[in-house]
Protein backbone atom coordinates (compact mmCIF):
# COMPACT_ATOMS: atom_id res chain seq x y z
CA UNK A 1 -18.69 4.75 -32.24
CA UNK A 2 -18.56 4.09 -28.49
CA UNK A 3 -19.87 0.76 -27.21
CA UNK A 4 -23.21 1.43 -25.48
CA UNK A 5 -22.67 -1.61 -23.23
CA UNK A 6 -19.79 0.17 -21.55
CA UNK A 7 -20.66 1.74 -18.21
CA UNK A 8 -18.16 4.55 -18.64
CA UNK A 9 -17.25 6.65 -21.68
CA UNK A 10 -13.64 7.48 -22.55
CA UNK A 11 -13.98 10.86 -20.81
CA UNK A 12 -15.44 9.22 -17.72
CA UNK A 13 -12.78 6.49 -17.59
CA UNK A 14 -9.91 8.96 -17.79
CA UNK A 15 -11.60 11.37 -15.40
CA UNK A 16 -12.16 8.67 -12.76
CA UNK A 17 -8.64 7.30 -13.10
CA UNK A 18 -6.93 10.69 -13.08
CA UNK A 19 -8.90 11.83 -10.04
CA UNK A 20 -8.11 8.71 -8.04
CA UNK A 21 -5.72 9.58 -5.23
CA UNK A 22 -1.99 9.63 -5.98
CA UNK A 23 -0.96 7.86 -2.77
CA UNK A 24 -2.73 5.31 -0.58
CA UNK A 25 -2.23 3.44 2.69
CA UNK A 26 -0.35 0.68 0.88
CA UNK A 27 2.74 0.90 -1.30
CA UNK A 28 2.36 0.87 -5.06
CA UNK A 29 4.26 -2.43 -5.10
CA UNK A 30 1.71 -4.06 -2.80
CA UNK A 31 -1.30 -2.69 -4.66
CA UNK A 32 -0.09 -3.49 -8.18
CA UNK A 33 1.09 -6.95 -7.13
CA UNK A 34 -2.40 -7.92 -5.96
CA UNK A 35 -4.03 -6.20 -8.96
CA UNK A 36 -1.88 -8.13 -11.40
CA UNK A 37 -2.56 -11.37 -9.52
CA UNK A 38 -6.32 -10.77 -9.72
CA UNK A 39 -5.92 -10.07 -13.45
CA UNK A 40 -4.11 -13.37 -13.98
CA UNK A 41 -0.58 -11.90 -14.04
CA UNK A 42 -0.75 -10.59 -17.65
CA UNK A 43 2.89 -9.48 -17.39
CA UNK A 44 3.97 -13.11 -17.31
CA UNK A 45 5.81 -14.09 -20.46
CA UNK A 46 6.58 -10.54 -21.60
CA UNK A 47 10.23 -9.61 -21.00
CA UNK A 48 10.81 -6.04 -19.91
CA UNK A 49 13.40 -3.36 -19.25
CA UNK A 50 12.96 -1.39 -16.03
CA UNK A 51 14.03 2.28 -15.88
CA UNK A 52 14.27 4.39 -12.71
CA UNK A 53 15.92 7.70 -11.81
CA UNK A 54 15.18 11.31 -10.97
CA UNK A 55 15.90 13.01 -14.29
CA UNK A 56 16.12 11.66 -17.83
CA UNK A 57 13.88 8.61 -17.38
CA UNK A 58 11.45 9.64 -20.10
CA UNK A 59 14.08 10.57 -22.67
CA UNK A 60 16.14 7.44 -21.96
CA UNK A 61 13.00 5.32 -22.33
CA UNK A 62 12.16 7.04 -25.61
CA UNK A 63 15.69 6.55 -27.00
CA UNK A 64 15.77 2.88 -26.01
CA UNK A 65 12.33 2.12 -27.43
CA UNK A 66 13.14 3.76 -30.75
CA UNK A 67 16.38 1.77 -31.04
CA UNK A 68 14.58 -1.47 -30.17
CA UNK A 69 11.89 -0.74 -32.76
CA UNK A 70 14.56 -0.86 -35.47
CA UNK A 71 14.96 -4.59 -34.81
CA UNK A 72 11.46 -5.21 -36.14
CA UNK A 73 10.02 -6.23 -32.78
CA UNK A 74 6.85 -4.91 -31.15
CA UNK A 75 7.91 -2.72 -28.24
CA UNK A 76 5.54 -1.53 -25.51
CA UNK A 77 6.43 1.72 -23.73
CA UNK A 78 5.00 2.89 -20.40
CA UNK A 79 5.83 6.41 -19.18
CA UNK A 80 4.34 9.13 -17.01
CA UNK A 81 2.98 11.70 -16.74
CA UNK A 82 1.27 12.58 -20.00
CA UNK A 83 1.52 16.11 -21.39
CA UNK A 84 -1.76 16.43 -23.29
CA UNK A 85 -3.67 13.16 -23.67
CA UNK A 86 -3.92 10.27 -21.23
CA UNK A 87 -3.07 7.71 -23.91
CA UNK A 88 0.47 9.14 -24.26
CA UNK A 89 1.38 7.00 -21.25
CA UNK A 90 0.91 3.73 -23.14
CA UNK A 91 2.46 3.22 -26.59
CA UNK A 92 3.50 0.43 -28.93
CA UNK A 93 6.20 1.29 -31.45
CA UNK A 94 5.50 4.96 -30.85
CA UNK A 95 1.73 4.72 -31.40
CA UNK A 96 -0.46 5.68 -28.45
CA UNK A 97 -3.09 3.26 -27.21
CA UNK A 98 -6.37 4.01 -29.07
CA UNK A 99 -9.11 5.73 -27.08
CA UNK A 100 -11.47 2.82 -27.58
CA UNK A 101 -8.96 0.51 -25.90
CA UNK A 102 -8.53 2.96 -23.01
CA UNK A 103 -12.34 2.91 -22.67
CA UNK A 104 -12.66 -0.87 -22.92
CA UNK A 105 -9.79 -1.78 -20.59
CA UNK A 106 -10.65 1.10 -18.27
CA UNK A 107 -14.19 -0.18 -17.85
CA UNK A 108 -12.87 -3.63 -17.03
CA UNK A 109 -10.55 -2.26 -14.35
CA UNK A 110 -13.04 0.16 -12.81
CA UNK A 111 -15.71 -2.53 -12.50
CA UNK A 112 -13.37 -4.94 -10.66
CA UNK A 113 -13.35 -5.21 -6.89
CA UNK A 114 -9.65 -5.16 -6.08
CA UNK A 115 -8.51 -6.30 -2.64
CA UNK A 116 -6.49 -3.12 -2.11
CA UNK A 117 -7.67 0.30 -3.38
CA UNK A 118 -5.67 1.27 -6.49
CA UNK A 119 -4.14 4.69 -7.02
CA UNK A 120 -4.15 6.47 -10.38
CA UNK A 121 -0.71 5.04 -11.22
CA UNK A 122 -1.76 1.48 -10.37
CA UNK A 123 -4.69 1.75 -12.80
CA UNK A 124 -2.39 3.12 -15.51
CA UNK A 125 0.15 0.33 -15.05
CA UNK A 126 -2.50 -2.40 -15.13
CA UNK A 127 -4.03 -0.92 -18.29
CA UNK A 128 -0.61 -0.80 -19.96
CA UNK A 129 0.25 -4.40 -19.15
CA UNK A 130 -3.16 -5.70 -20.26
CA UNK A 131 -2.84 -3.80 -23.55
CA UNK A 132 0.71 -4.99 -24.19
CA UNK A 133 -0.38 -8.56 -23.50
CA UNK A 134 -3.35 -8.32 -25.88
CA UNK A 135 -1.17 -6.84 -28.61
CA UNK A 136 1.47 -9.57 -28.13
CA UNK A 137 4.38 -7.22 -27.49
CA UNK A 138 7.82 -8.77 -27.70
CA UNK A 139 9.22 -6.51 -25.00
CA UNK A 140 8.05 -3.81 -22.59
CA UNK A 141 10.11 -0.79 -21.50
CA UNK A 142 8.65 0.34 -18.18
CA UNK A 143 9.44 3.64 -16.50
CA UNK A 144 8.93 3.87 -12.75
CA UNK A 145 6.76 6.53 -11.16
CA UNK A 146 8.73 8.32 -8.46
CA UNK A 147 10.61 5.56 -6.69
CA UNK A 148 11.91 2.07 -7.20
CA UNK A 149 11.74 -0.26 -4.23
CA UNK A 150 8.05 0.34 -3.49
CA UNK A 151 7.05 1.58 -6.94
CA UNK A 152 4.06 -0.07 -8.62
CA UNK A 153 6.24 -1.16 -11.56
CA UNK A 154 8.40 -3.23 -9.21
CA UNK A 155 5.50 -5.68 -9.01
CA UNK A 156 6.27 -6.74 -12.60
CA UNK A 157 9.04 -9.04 -11.41
CA UNK A 158 12.56 -9.53 -12.72
CA UNK A 159 13.54 -7.43 -15.78
CA UNK A 160 16.00 -8.33 -18.51
CA UNK A 161 17.97 -5.15 -17.76
CA UNK A 162 17.60 -2.48 -15.08
CA UNK A 163 18.55 1.11 -16.00
CA UNK A 164 19.10 3.91 -13.50
CA UNK A 165 19.34 7.45 -14.85
CA UNK A 166 20.61 10.54 -13.03
CA UNK A 167 19.57 10.68 -9.37
CA UNK A 168 18.95 13.96 -7.58
CA UNK A 169 16.88 15.51 -4.82
CA UNK A 170 13.18 15.20 -5.63
CA UNK A 171 10.03 13.79 -3.99
CA UNK A 172 11.90 14.02 -0.68
CA UNK A 173 8.71 13.68 1.38
CA UNK A 174 8.29 10.19 -0.07
CA UNK A 175 11.79 8.96 -0.91
CA UNK A 176 14.07 10.42 1.78
CA UNK A 177 15.82 13.59 2.89
CA UNK A 178 19.26 12.93 1.36
CA UNK A 179 20.42 11.97 -2.10
CA UNK A 180 21.82 8.74 -0.66
CA UNK A 181 18.43 7.78 0.81
CA UNK A 182 16.76 8.53 -2.53
CA UNK A 183 19.39 6.42 -4.33
CA UNK A 184 18.62 3.57 -1.96
CA UNK A 185 14.96 3.69 -2.99
CA UNK A 186 15.78 3.87 -6.71
CA UNK A 187 18.17 0.93 -6.29
CA UNK A 188 15.14 -1.20 -5.43
CA UNK A 189 14.63 -2.06 -9.12
CA UNK A 190 17.95 -3.97 -9.08
CA UNK A 191 17.30 -7.71 -8.92
CA UNK A 192 19.56 -10.75 -8.41
CA UNK A 193 20.98 -12.01 -11.68
CA UNK A 194 19.94 -8.91 -13.66
CA UNK A 195 22.50 -6.68 -15.40
CA UNK A 196 22.34 -3.00 -14.43
CA UNK A 197 23.11 0.08 -16.53
CA UNK A 198 23.85 3.25 -14.57
CA UNK A 199 24.33 6.81 -15.78
CA UNK A 200 27.21 8.84 -14.33
CA UNK A 201 26.31 9.73 -10.73
CA UNK A 202 27.69 11.58 -7.75
CA UNK A 203 30.22 9.38 -5.95
CA UNK A 204 28.00 8.78 -2.93
CA UNK A 205 25.07 7.80 -5.18
CA UNK A 206 27.22 5.47 -7.25
CA UNK A 207 28.42 3.78 -4.06
CA UNK A 208 24.86 3.21 -2.84
CA UNK A 209 23.89 1.61 -6.15
CA UNK A 210 27.03 -0.52 -6.36
CA UNK A 211 26.73 -1.72 -2.75
CA UNK A 212 23.08 -2.68 -3.27
CA UNK A 213 23.94 -4.54 -6.48
CA UNK A 214 26.85 -6.36 -4.84
CA UNK A 215 24.86 -7.31 -1.74
CA UNK A 216 21.89 -8.87 -3.52
CA UNK A 217 24.12 -10.75 -5.96
CA UNK A 218 26.62 -12.06 -3.40
CA UNK A 219 23.99 -14.49 -2.14
CA UNK A 220 22.67 -15.27 -5.62
CA UNK A 221 23.32 -18.89 -6.50
CA UNK A 222 20.50 -19.28 -9.02
CA UNK A 223 22.43 -17.91 -12.01
CA UNK A 224 25.58 -19.57 -13.29
CA UNK A 225 26.75 -16.32 -14.86
CA UNK A 226 26.85 -13.37 -12.47
CA UNK A 227 25.39 -10.12 -13.88
CA UNK A 228 27.43 -7.06 -14.76
CA UNK A 229 27.20 -3.53 -13.32
CA UNK A 230 27.63 -1.30 -16.38
CA UNK A 231 28.42 2.40 -15.99
CA UNK A 232 28.17 4.92 -18.81
CA UNK A 233 31.77 5.77 -19.68
CA UNK A 234 33.38 8.85 -21.17
CA UNK A 235 33.68 6.96 -24.46
CA UNK A 236 29.99 6.03 -24.34
CA UNK A 237 29.11 9.71 -23.89
CA UNK A 238 31.38 10.82 -26.72
CA UNK A 239 29.84 8.27 -29.06
CA UNK A 240 26.29 9.27 -28.13
CA UNK A 241 27.14 12.96 -28.50
CA UNK A 242 28.52 12.35 -32.00
CA UNK A 243 25.28 10.83 -33.31
CA UNK A 244 22.77 13.02 -35.18
CA UNK A 245 19.65 13.57 -33.07
CA UNK A 246 16.50 15.65 -32.96
CA UNK A 247 16.80 16.09 -29.21
CA UNK A 248 18.54 19.31 -28.14
CA UNK A 249 20.56 19.62 -24.95
CA UNK A 250 23.94 18.36 -23.79
CA UNK A 251 22.23 16.17 -21.19
CA UNK A 252 20.46 14.23 -23.94
CA UNK A 253 23.81 12.69 -24.85
CA UNK A 254 23.83 11.13 -21.36
CA UNK A 255 20.32 9.78 -21.81
CA UNK A 256 21.15 8.46 -25.28
CA UNK A 257 24.35 6.85 -23.95
CA UNK A 258 22.41 5.02 -21.23
CA UNK A 259 19.85 3.81 -23.79
CA UNK A 260 22.59 2.63 -26.18
CA UNK A 261 24.40 0.76 -23.42
CA UNK A 262 21.14 -0.87 -22.26
CA UNK A 263 20.41 -1.91 -25.84
CA UNK A 264 23.88 -3.42 -26.27
CA UNK A 265 23.48 -5.40 -23.03
CA UNK A 266 20.00 -6.56 -23.96
CA UNK A 267 20.82 -7.33 -27.60
CA UNK A 268 24.01 -9.24 -26.77
CA UNK A 269 22.02 -11.50 -24.46
CA UNK A 270 19.24 -11.99 -26.97
CA UNK A 271 21.61 -12.69 -29.86
CA UNK A 272 23.85 -15.08 -27.91
CA UNK A 273 26.92 -12.91 -28.27
CA UNK A 274 27.02 -12.88 -32.05
CA UNK A 275 30.24 -11.16 -33.11
CA UNK A 276 30.38 -11.47 -36.88
CA UNK A 277 30.95 -8.26 -38.81
CA UNK A 278 27.52 -8.20 -40.44
CA UNK A 279 25.78 -8.55 -37.08
CA UNK A 280 27.87 -5.77 -35.53
CA UNK A 281 27.12 -3.42 -38.44
CA UNK A 282 23.43 -4.19 -38.20
CA UNK A 283 23.44 -3.43 -34.47
CA UNK A 284 25.20 -0.11 -35.02
CA UNK A 285 22.67 0.85 -37.68
CA UNK A 286 19.81 0.13 -35.27
CA UNK A 287 21.46 2.49 -32.80
CA UNK A 288 22.13 5.28 -35.29
CA UNK A 289 18.63 5.13 -36.78
CA UNK A 290 16.95 4.91 -33.37
CA UNK A 291 18.79 7.88 -31.89
CA UNK A 292 18.20 9.97 -35.02
CA UNK A 293 14.45 9.30 -34.98
CA UNK A 294 13.78 9.89 -31.28
CA UNK A 295 11.71 12.89 -30.27
CA UNK A 296 10.30 13.53 -26.82
CA UNK A 297 7.87 16.40 -26.36
CA UNK A 298 8.63 19.07 -23.82
CA UNK A 299 12.33 18.30 -23.41
CA UNK A 300 14.51 21.11 -24.77
CA UNK A 301 11.90 21.52 -27.50
CA UNK A 302 12.36 24.49 -29.83
CA UNK A 303 8.74 25.48 -30.38
CA UNK A 304 9.36 28.59 -32.48
CA UNK A 305 12.38 30.23 -34.07
CA UNK A 306 10.84 33.66 -34.64
CA UNK A 307 10.25 34.70 -31.96
CA UNK A 308 12.62 32.22 -30.33
CA UNK A 309 10.69 30.09 -27.87
CA UNK A 310 12.02 26.92 -26.22
CA UNK A 311 10.28 24.77 -23.61
CA UNK A 312 11.72 22.24 -21.17
CA UNK A 313 10.20 20.10 -18.44
CA UNK A 314 12.98 20.83 -15.93
CA UNK A 315 11.02 20.62 -12.68
CA UNK A 316 13.74 20.29 -10.03
CA UNK A 317 17.14 21.86 -9.39
CA UNK A 318 19.06 19.01 -11.04
CA UNK A 319 16.96 19.33 -14.19
CA UNK A 320 17.32 23.10 -14.22
CA UNK A 321 21.09 22.78 -13.81
CA UNK A 322 21.14 20.59 -16.94
CA UNK A 323 18.94 23.12 -18.73
CA UNK A 324 21.32 25.95 -17.82
CA UNK A 325 24.36 24.00 -19.03
CA UNK A 326 22.64 23.22 -22.33
CA UNK A 327 21.60 26.84 -22.89
CA UNK A 328 25.15 28.02 -22.21
CA UNK A 329 26.52 25.43 -24.64
CA UNK A 330 23.99 26.03 -27.42
CA UNK A 331 23.75 29.82 -27.08
CA UNK A 332 27.00 31.08 -25.53
CA UNK A 333 27.10 34.59 -24.10
CA UNK A 334 23.32 34.97 -24.37
CA UNK A 335 20.73 35.79 -21.74
CA UNK A 336 17.08 34.79 -21.70
CA UNK A 337 13.57 35.75 -20.73
CA UNK A 338 12.31 32.90 -18.53
CA UNK A 339 8.72 31.81 -17.97
CA UNK A 340 8.46 29.63 -14.87
CA UNK A 341 5.66 27.55 -13.35
CA UNK A 342 6.33 25.01 -10.60
CA UNK A 343 4.83 22.89 -7.85
CA UNK A 344 4.99 24.25 -4.30
CA UNK A 345 6.76 21.10 -3.06
CA UNK A 346 9.76 21.55 -5.39
CA UNK A 347 13.11 23.15 -4.51
CA UNK A 348 12.16 26.23 -6.54
CA UNK A 349 14.61 28.57 -4.78
CA UNK A 350 17.55 26.44 -5.97
CA UNK A 351 15.94 26.26 -9.43
CA UNK A 352 15.89 30.05 -9.58
CA UNK A 353 19.51 30.29 -8.39
CA UNK A 354 20.65 28.02 -11.23
CA UNK A 355 19.27 30.43 -13.85
CA UNK A 356 20.03 33.85 -12.32
CA UNK A 357 23.29 34.29 -14.30
CA UNK A 358 21.41 33.66 -17.56
CA UNK A 359 18.27 35.66 -16.80
CA UNK A 360 17.13 38.97 -18.25
CA UNK A 361 13.87 38.64 -16.32
CA UNK A 362 11.14 36.17 -15.32
CA UNK A 363 7.42 35.83 -15.87
CA UNK A 364 5.76 33.44 -13.44
CA UNK A 365 2.60 31.42 -13.98
CA UNK A 366 0.47 29.10 -11.85
CA UNK A 367 0.18 25.58 -13.35
CA UNK A 368 -3.28 24.04 -13.32
CA UNK A 369 -2.74 21.74 -10.37
CA UNK A 370 -3.73 21.81 -6.70
CA UNK A 371 -0.05 21.44 -5.72
CA UNK A 372 1.05 24.45 -7.79
CA UNK A 373 3.01 27.35 -6.34
CA UNK A 374 1.07 30.57 -6.88
CA UNK A 375 2.65 32.83 -9.50
CA UNK A 376 2.59 35.88 -7.21
CA UNK A 377 4.55 34.08 -4.50
CA UNK A 378 7.08 32.78 -7.02
CA UNK A 379 7.58 36.25 -8.52
CA UNK A 380 8.21 37.71 -5.05
CA UNK A 381 10.80 35.02 -4.38
CA UNK A 382 12.63 35.83 -7.64
CA UNK A 383 12.55 39.60 -7.09
CA UNK A 384 14.05 39.08 -3.62
CA UNK A 385 17.07 37.63 -5.41
CA UNK A 386 17.57 40.83 -7.41
CA UNK A 387 16.04 39.91 -10.78
CA UNK A 388 12.93 41.50 -12.25
CA UNK A 389 9.89 39.22 -12.16
CA UNK A 390 6.22 39.74 -12.92
CA UNK A 391 3.41 37.30 -12.30
CA UNK A 392 0.75 36.45 -14.86
CA UNK A 393 -2.88 35.81 -14.00
CA UNK A 394 -3.46 34.02 -17.29
CA UNK A 395 -0.89 31.58 -18.68
CA UNK A 396 -2.32 31.51 -22.21
CA UNK A 397 -1.99 35.28 -22.69
CA UNK A 398 1.74 35.00 -21.96
CA UNK A 399 2.36 31.96 -24.15
CA UNK A 400 0.23 32.60 -27.26
CA UNK A 401 2.31 35.50 -28.66
CA UNK A 402 5.33 33.17 -28.65
CA UNK A 403 3.73 30.33 -30.61
CA UNK A 404 4.19 29.81 -34.37
CA UNK A 405 1.68 31.67 -36.52
CA UNK A 406 0.10 30.42 -39.73
CA UNK A 407 2.32 30.50 -42.81
CA UNK A 408 0.37 33.29 -44.48
CA UNK A 409 1.03 35.59 -41.54
CA UNK A 410 4.75 34.97 -41.12
CA UNK A 411 5.73 37.89 -43.32
CA UNK A 412 4.44 40.23 -40.61
CA UNK A 413 6.79 38.81 -37.97
CA UNK A 414 10.07 40.49 -37.12
CA UNK A 415 13.24 38.99 -35.71
CA UNK A 416 13.95 40.53 -32.30
CA UNK A 417 16.91 38.34 -31.44
CA UNK A 418 15.57 37.87 -27.92
CA UNK A 419 15.11 34.37 -26.60
CA UNK A 420 12.40 33.07 -24.28
CA UNK A 421 12.54 29.78 -22.38
CA UNK A 422 9.59 28.29 -20.50
CA UNK A 423 10.34 25.60 -17.93
CA UNK A 424 9.04 23.90 -14.82
CA UNK A 425 6.22 21.53 -14.00
CA UNK A 426 5.13 19.09 -16.68
CA UNK A 427 1.57 20.30 -16.01
CA UNK A 428 2.74 23.71 -17.25
CA UNK A 429 4.67 22.27 -20.21
CA UNK A 430 1.67 20.10 -21.08
CA UNK A 431 -0.57 23.18 -21.14
CA UNK A 432 1.84 24.82 -23.61
CA UNK A 433 1.82 21.69 -25.77
CA UNK A 434 -1.98 21.75 -25.76
CA UNK A 435 -1.98 25.38 -26.96
CA UNK A 436 0.57 24.47 -29.62
CA UNK A 437 -1.54 21.55 -30.81
CA UNK A 438 -4.66 23.71 -31.12
CA UNK A 439 -2.74 26.45 -32.91
CA UNK A 440 -2.37 30.07 -32.02
CA UNK A 441 -6.02 31.17 -31.70
CA UNK A 442 -5.10 34.75 -32.49
CA UNK A 443 -4.23 33.65 -36.01
CA UNK A 444 -6.73 30.90 -36.61
């Protein structure tokens, strides 16, 4: 039962926070720094891992948290955006923050008079840190929003390990016009004396990250032992690829490899370089169990086998390239019906180009977001490239026939052999997840 002394209900808290502007006149770093100071710096005393990148942040965070959970510690996880429910952003050992805690902490934050006006993301970060502090988490794994240097999460201070996943062209209006400029912003999570784990990158990106790391550590005299710059190797990838996992997609091996390497770096520091056989075997078991148990909604998720329906939150050209490679690897020589819904500020023409060789046709939808590209415009763009495309007025009418039906009705289904893949904005993927959670209303 909701506390009547609260000014705002759960619905009101989440509505106010989610409708707070995304960007302000100050950087997220500045805003969150003063918010945390006014809150008494609740992040103090909680070690954390900081994860930035363009693609793979969420999956890498999920892999790392699940591995860390195997050690018996209480692990806080902060990610964004959510797909269905607000509380997905804040989890401890896989369990979402309860709604009553969202309501309670949300009321506290909304009633405070902060010196600088918070954005939605600043509120979310503050709520996460307060909750993790209350619950006495042993470690936090914190995913950045869109940047690094000026990101709200950078106000948390110096992490135990910094992880940078694949960097590509995205959020160019905020982060820069070239991949090197974007890499420079992401590099901002690198701190003096902190080891860094980096996924395989384009040469120019790798050079930006390495030069930043070298520069800030060359003048670092505080730490007796200089930190290492760890890069995911071919052997790391092969090992990660060999492990059983629920997560489909070749690119998930890269995300798993980054998480495993981050865990090894973190665990070796925590355990004072223990090298006895029993300790090594225990560490490897943590890794195997963690990777096997990890599941991340909306990332190469096979929603239904009959009819075949897969969804993926590939929302930029780099993500769609990875999706295409995974589809070619998993289903060689096959072509697909694609359902696409994207934001107008994305490089959607390059996204389309990546999938043209694999496409039978496209259906386009308009995600429920003010920044969405209209389905009619997207369909026209696809047709201009020589592939059939139709636009849908109603997303649910396109998706519902592809969802699993109740067990008693499955005998009426027939295997067509055709495969459908929905991809694009996480707003779109989240809407599909919401339909999936409610069940196919045609069969309820």
